[in-house]
Amino acid sequence: MHRSIRSLLFVGALSFVAIGCMTTPAISGEGGPADGYTIHVQAPHMMANGTPGGPFHHYCKGISPEVLQCLLFKSTDPNAKLVAVEYFLAKDLVRKNVPLITWNRNFHDHAVEIATGRVQVLDLPADKASEVAAVAAKTDGVIFHLWHDDQVVPDGRVSIPNSLGHKFRTE
């Protein structure tokens, strides 16, 4: 009987520690792939069902000279759910590797999106925000929406929204 109680207490303590680790930030001092998402952009999207969504808060970082990746949230709350991922990809890279029909369905030109006036670069002085927008304008974007408004939990459904003001390419 005592062994069962000890086992139960051990499992309970272990569960408590495991849950604590899930909610406690790492303190190793070493960075990881989630470090560096410091470029904060806000923009709405045209959802896959044809309705406007957002605006979404994009927290982005460059991972190569040709790729900027962003984690998208519906708010700036520290506990906001990650709802989507967007890639900003150099236009020449995308346009050499993605067929036009696929580009028109899934991608958008960030120069066109920025020109709509709906995109805001936040948390930077105006001159630095303009520099970020100028770099972003040289990219195409693709968004993978993972957690939809009608879901209690994500269920594996992925949609590919587009930018408001998306224009199809013909070349």
C-alpha atoms as a PDB file:
ATOM      1  CA  MET A   1       0.000   0.000   0.000  1.00  0.00           C
ATOM      2  CA  HIS A   2       2.775   2.434   0.890  1.00  0.00           C
ATOM      3  CA  ARG A   3       4.523   1.639  -2.374  1.00  0.00           C
ATOM      4  CA  SER A   4       1.346   2.574  -4.309  1.00  0.00           C
ATOM      5  CA  ILE A   5       1.040   5.882  -2.483  1.00  0.00           C
ATOM      6  CA  ARG A   6       4.720   6.665  -3.087  1.00  0.00           C
ATOM      7  CA  SER A   7       4.301   5.810  -6.776  1.00  0.00           C
ATOM      8  CA  LEU A   8       1.239   8.005  -6.999  1.00  0.00           C
ATOM      9  CA  LEU A   9       3.035  10.900  -5.279  1.00  0.00           C
ATOM     10  CA  PHE A  10       6.064  10.454  -7.548  1.00  0.00           C
ATOM     11  CA  VAL A  11       3.924  10.453 -10.705  1.00  0.00           C
ATOM     12  CA  GLY A  12       2.009  13.481  -9.406  1.00  0.00           C
ATOM     13  CA  ALA A  13       5.230  15.375  -8.672  1.00  0.00           C
ATOM     14  CA  LEU A  14       6.661  14.423 -12.048  1.00  0.00           C
ATOM     15  CA  SER A  15       3.490  15.657 -13.793  1.00  0.00           C
ATOM     16  CA  PHE A  16       3.663  18.931 -11.855  1.00  0.00           C
ATOM     17  CA  VAL A  17       7.294  19.452 -12.945  1.00  0.00           C
ATOM     18  CA  ALA A  18       6.456  18.572 -16.571  1.00  0.00           C
ATOM     19  CA  ILE A  19       3.566  21.043 -16.666  1.00  0.00           C
ATOM     20  CA  GLY A  20       5.788  23.683 -15.061  1.00  0.00           C
ATOM     21  CA  CYS A  21       8.401  23.156 -17.772  1.00  0.00           C
ATOM     22  CA  MET A  22       5.758  23.716 -20.445  1.00  0.00           C
ATOM     23  CA  THR A  23       4.945  27.145 -19.046  1.00  0.00           C
ATOM     24  CA  THR A  24       8.370  28.249 -17.831  1.00  0.00           C
ATOM     25  CA  PRO A  25      10.807  29.903 -20.247  1.00  0.00           C
ATOM     26  CA  ALA A  26      14.142  28.207 -20.782  1.00  0.00           C
ATOM     27  CA  ILE A  27      16.912  29.651 -18.630  1.00  0.00           C
ATOM     28  CA  SER A  28      19.890  28.005 -20.281  1.00  0.00           C
ATOM     29  CA  GLY A  29      21.102  31.317 -21.691  1.00  0.00           C
ATOM     30  CA  GLU A  30      21.483  29.814 -25.138  1.00  0.00           C
ATOM     31  CA  GLY A  31      19.378  31.080 -28.002  1.00  0.00           C
ATOM     32  CA  GLY A  32      17.142  28.954 -30.131  1.00  0.00           C
ATOM     33  CA  PRO A  33      15.280  29.244 -33.412  1.00  0.00           C
ATOM     34  CA  ALA A  34      12.470  31.247 -31.795  1.00  0.00           C
ATOM     35  CA  ASP A  35      14.883  34.030 -30.790  1.00  0.00           C
ATOM     36  CA  GLY A  36      15.092  37.104 -32.966  1.00  0.00           C
ATOM     37  CA  TYR A  37      11.504  37.587 -34.129  1.00  0.00           C
ATOM     38  CA  THR A  38      11.769  41.323 -33.544  1.00  0.00           C
ATOM     39  CA  ILE A  39      10.367  42.885 -36.718  1.00  0.00           C
ATOM     40  CA  HIS A  40       6.734  43.684 -35.851  1.00  0.00           C
ATOM     41  CA  VAL A  41       4.361  44.186 -38.771  1.00  0.00           C
ATOM     42  CA  GLN A  42       0.587  44.468 -38.662  1.00  0.00           C
ATOM     43  CA  ALA A  43      -1.565  43.676 -41.696  1.00  0.00           C
ATOM     44  CA  PRO A  44      -4.992  42.269 -42.518  1.00  0.00           C
ATOM     45  CA  HIS A  45      -5.438  39.279 -44.827  1.00  0.00           C
ATOM     46  CA  MET A  46      -8.046  38.127 -47.282  1.00  0.00           C
ATOM     47  CA  MET A  47      -9.033  34.795 -45.778  1.00  0.00           C
ATOM     48  CA  ALA A  48      -9.533  31.700 -47.916  1.00  0.00           C
ATOM     49  CA  ASN A  49     -13.325  32.074 -47.577  1.00  0.00           C
ATOM     50  CA  GLY A  50     -13.147  35.530 -49.206  1.00  0.00           C
ATOM     51  CA  THR A  51     -13.644  37.648 -46.089  1.00  0.00           C
ATOM     52  CA  PRO A  52     -11.122  40.069 -44.588  1.00  0.00           C
ATOM     53  CA  GLY A  53      -9.396  38.820 -41.444  1.00  0.00           C
ATOM     54  CA  GLY A  54      -7.134  40.349 -38.851  1.00  0.00           C
ATOM     55  CA  PRO A  55      -5.282  42.541 -38.648  1.00  0.00           C
ATOM     56  CA  PHE A  56      -2.589  40.024 -37.766  1.00  0.00           C
ATOM     57  CA  HIS A  57       0.546  40.820 -35.804  1.00  0.00           C
ATOM     58  CA  HIS A  58       3.548  39.428 -37.664  1.00  0.00           C
ATOM     59  CA  TYR A  59       6.735  38.901 -35.663  1.00  0.00           C
ATOM     60  CA  CYS A  60       9.460  38.322 -38.223  1.00  0.00           C
ATOM     61  CA  LYS A  61      13.143  37.605 -38.604  1.00  0.00           C
ATOM     62  CA  GLY A  62      15.460  37.042 -41.517  1.00  0.00           C
ATOM     63  CA  ILE A  63      16.855  33.528 -41.769  1.00  0.00           C
ATOM     64  CA  SER A  64      18.809  34.095 -45.007  1.00  0.00           C
ATOM     65  CA  PRO A  65      19.295  36.928 -47.509  1.00  0.00           C
ATOM     66  CA  GLU A  66      16.317  35.561 -49.472  1.00  0.00           C
ATOM     67  CA  VAL A  67      13.939  34.504 -46.670  1.00  0.00           C
ATOM     68  CA  LEU A  68      12.162  36.334 -43.863  1.00  0.00           C
ATOM     69  CA  GLN A  69       9.768  34.226 -41.824  1.00  0.00           C
ATOM     70  CA  CYS A  70       6.991  35.470 -39.587  1.00  0.00           C
ATOM     71  CA  LEU A  71       4.920  34.098 -36.728  1.00  0.00           C
ATOM     72  CA  LEU A  72       1.378  35.515 -36.865  1.00  0.00           C
ATOM     73  CA  PHE A  73      -0.890  36.279 -33.930  1.00  0.00           C
ATOM     74  CA  LYS A  74      -4.302  37.991 -33.632  1.00  0.00           C
ATOM     75  CA  SER A  75      -3.076  40.213 -30.789  1.00  0.00           C
ATOM     76  CA  THR A  76       0.050  41.305 -28.958  1.00  0.00           C
ATOM     77  CA  ASP A  77      -0.990  39.534 -25.752  1.00  0.00           C
ATOM     78  CA  PRO A  78       1.969  37.481 -24.442  1.00  0.00           C
ATOM     79  CA  ASN A  79      -0.307  34.408 -24.430  1.00  0.00           C
ATOM     80  CA  ALA A  80      -1.814  34.967 -27.885  1.00  0.00           C
ATOM     81  CA  LYS A  81      -2.235  31.840 -29.988  1.00  0.00           C
ATOM     82  CA  LEU A  82       0.059  31.342 -32.966  1.00  0.00           C
ATOM     83  CA  VAL A  83      -2.499  31.299 -35.795  1.00  0.00           C
ATOM     84  CA  ALA A  84      -0.371  31.383 -38.951  1.00  0.00           C
ATOM     85  CA  VAL A  85       3.086  31.462 -40.492  1.00  0.00           C
ATOM     86  CA  GLU A  86       4.094  33.715 -43.381  1.00  0.00           C
ATOM     87  CA  TYR A  87       7.194  33.576 -45.521  1.00  0.00           C
ATOM     88  CA  PHE A  88       8.590  36.674 -47.232  1.00  0.00           C
ATOM     89  CA  LEU A  89      10.650  35.271 -50.121  1.00  0.00           C
ATOM     90  CA  ALA A  90      12.836  37.088 -52.642  1.00  0.00           C
ATOM     91  CA  LYS A  91      10.753  37.626 -55.779  1.00  0.00           C
ATOM     92  CA  ASP A  92      13.348  36.135 -58.140  1.00  0.00           C
ATOM     93  CA  LEU A  93      13.550  32.991 -55.984  1.00  0.00           C
ATOM     94  CA  VAL A  94       9.773  32.498 -55.960  1.00  0.00           C
ATOM     95  CA  ARG A  95       9.114  33.439 -59.559  1.00  0.00           C
ATOM     96  CA  LYS A  96      11.791  31.042 -60.851  1.00  0.00           C
ATOM     97  CA  ASN A  97      10.466  28.140 -58.764  1.00  0.00           C
ATOM     98  CA  VAL A  98       6.691  28.539 -58.488  1.00  0.00           C
ATOM     99  CA  PRO A  99       4.404  28.136 -61.542  1.00  0.00           C
ATOM    100  CA  LEU A 100       2.326  31.234 -62.336  1.00  0.00           C
ATOM    101  CA  ILE A 101      -0.982  29.449 -61.654  1.00  0.00           C
ATOM    102  CA  THR A 102       0.258  28.448 -58.177  1.00  0.00           C
ATOM    103  CA  TRP A 103       1.661  31.929 -57.530  1.00  0.00           C
ATOM    104  CA  ASN A 104      -1.677  33.549 -58.411  1.00  0.00           C
ATOM    105  CA  ARG A 105      -3.561  31.182 -56.083  1.00  0.00           C
ATOM    106  CA  ASN A 106      -1.198  31.173 -53.075  1.00  0.00           C
ATOM    107  CA  PHE A 107       1.294  34.058 -53.214  1.00  0.00           C
ATOM    108  CA  HIS A 108       1.077  37.838 -53.128  1.00  0.00           C
ATOM    109  CA  ASP A 109       3.420  40.675 -54.045  1.00  0.00           C
ATOM    110  CA  HIS A 110       4.409  42.627 -50.952  1.00  0.00           C
ATOM    111  CA  ALA A 111       5.006  45.807 -53.012  1.00  0.00           C
ATOM    112  CA  VAL A 112       1.329  45.699 -54.026  1.00  0.00           C
ATOM    113  CA  GLU A 113       0.234  44.955 -50.459  1.00  0.00           C
ATOM    114  CA  ILE A 114       2.332  47.753 -48.961  1.00  0.00           C
ATOM    115  CA  ALA A 115       0.989  50.205 -51.568  1.00  0.00           C
ATOM    116  CA  THR A 116      -2.565  49.617 -50.250  1.00  0.00           C
ATOM    117  CA  GLY A 117      -1.598  51.457 -47.042  1.00  0.00           C
ATOM    118  CA  ARG A 118      -2.924  48.601 -44.889  1.00  0.00           C
ATOM    119  CA  VAL A 119       0.501  47.390 -43.713  1.00  0.00           C
ATOM    120  CA  GLN A 120       2.123  48.950 -40.655  1.00  0.00           C
ATOM    121  CA  VAL A 121       5.668  48.372 -39.430  1.00  0.00           C
ATOM    122  CA  LEU A 122       5.416  48.851 -35.679  1.00  0.00           C
ATOM    123  CA  ASP A 123       7.861  49.427 -32.814  1.00  0.00           C
ATOM    124  CA  LEU A 124      10.440  51.250 -34.981  1.00  0.00           C
ATOM    125  CA  PRO A 125      11.152  54.920 -35.751  1.00  0.00           C
ATOM    126  CA  ALA A 126       9.560  56.057 -39.030  1.00  0.00           C
ATOM    127  CA  ASP A 127      12.834  56.019 -41.004  1.00  0.00           C
ATOM    128  CA  LYS A 128      13.649  52.440 -39.915  1.00  0.00           C
ATOM    129  CA  ALA A 129      10.056  51.340 -40.581  1.00  0.00           C
ATOM    130  CA  SER A 130      10.381  52.737 -44.128  1.00  0.00           C
ATOM    131  CA  GLU A 131      13.610  50.750 -44.601  1.00  0.00           C
ATOM    132  CA  VAL A 132      11.868  47.534 -43.489  1.00  0.00           C
ATOM    133  CA  ALA A 133       8.952  48.233 -45.833  1.00  0.00           C
ATOM    134  CA  ALA A 134      11.361  48.850 -48.727  1.00  0.00           C
ATOM    135  CA  VAL A 135      13.048  45.483 -48.148  1.00  0.00           C
ATOM    136  CA  ALA A 136       9.688  43.721 -47.756  1.00  0.00           C
ATOM    137  CA  ALA A 137       8.488  45.247 -51.044  1.00  0.00           C
ATOM    138  CA  LYS A 138      11.145  43.176 -52.824  1.00  0.00           C
ATOM    139  CA  THR A 139       9.494  39.945 -51.682  1.00  0.00           C
ATOM    140  CA  ASP A 140       6.506  37.748 -52.398  1.00  0.00           C
ATOM    141  CA  GLY A 141       4.538  36.286 -49.508  1.00  0.00           C
ATOM    142  CA  VAL A 142       2.782  33.024 -48.796  1.00  0.00           C
ATOM    143  CA  ILE A 143       0.676  32.504 -45.654  1.00  0.00           C
ATOM    144  CA  PHE A 144      -0.262  29.227 -43.984  1.00  0.00           C
ATOM    145  CA  HIS A 145      -3.179  29.775 -41.605  1.00  0.00           C
ATOM    146  CA  LEU A 146      -3.254  27.044 -38.953  1.00  0.00           C
ATOM    147  CA  TRP A 147      -5.734  28.034 -36.229  1.00  0.00           C
ATOM    148  CA  HIS A 148      -9.041  29.427 -37.502  1.00  0.00           C
ATOM    149  CA  ASP A 149     -11.503  31.614 -35.584  1.00  0.00           C
ATOM    150  CA  ASP A 150     -14.162  28.893 -35.550  1.00  0.00           C
ATOM    151  CA  GLN A 151     -11.861  26.342 -33.900  1.00  0.00           C
ATOM    152  CA  VAL A 152     -11.439  25.554 -30.216  1.00  0.00           C
ATOM    153  CA  VAL A 153      -8.196  23.788 -31.131  1.00  0.00           C
ATOM    154  CA  PRO A 154      -6.372  23.512 -34.452  1.00  0.00           C
ATOM    155  CA  ASP A 155      -7.453  20.320 -36.202  1.00  0.00           C
ATOM    156  CA  GLY A 156      -4.931  20.101 -39.020  1.00  0.00           C
ATOM    157  CA  ARG A 157      -6.912  22.215 -41.470  1.00  0.00           C
ATOM    158  CA  VAL A 158      -4.599  24.655 -43.231  1.00  0.00           C
ATOM    159  CA  SER A 159      -5.789  27.498 -45.422  1.00  0.00           C
ATOM    160  CA  ILE A 160      -3.767  29.877 -47.561  1.00  0.00           C
ATOM    161  CA  PRO A 161      -5.150  33.398 -47.255  1.00  0.00           C
ATOM    162  CA  ASN A 162      -3.884  36.236 -49.395  1.00  0.00           C
ATOM    163  CA  SER A 163      -3.298  39.945 -49.035  1.00  0.00           C
ATOM    164  CA  LEU A 164      -6.115  42.452 -49.318  1.00  0.00           C
ATOM    165  CA  GLY A 165      -5.640  44.072 -52.700  1.00  0.00           C
ATOM    166  CA  HIS A 166      -3.975  40.966 -54.200  1.00  0.00           C
ATOM    167  CA  LYS A 167      -3.340  41.325 -57.924  1.00  0.00           C
ATOM    168  CA  PHE A 168      -2.855  38.379 -60.234  1.00  0.00           C
ATOM    169  CA  ARG A 169       0.320  38.273 -62.290  1.00  0.00           C
ATOM    170  CA  THR A 170       0.134  37.635 -66.033  1.00  0.00           C
ATOM    171  CA  GLU A 171       3.804  37.272 -66.943  1.00  0.00           C
END
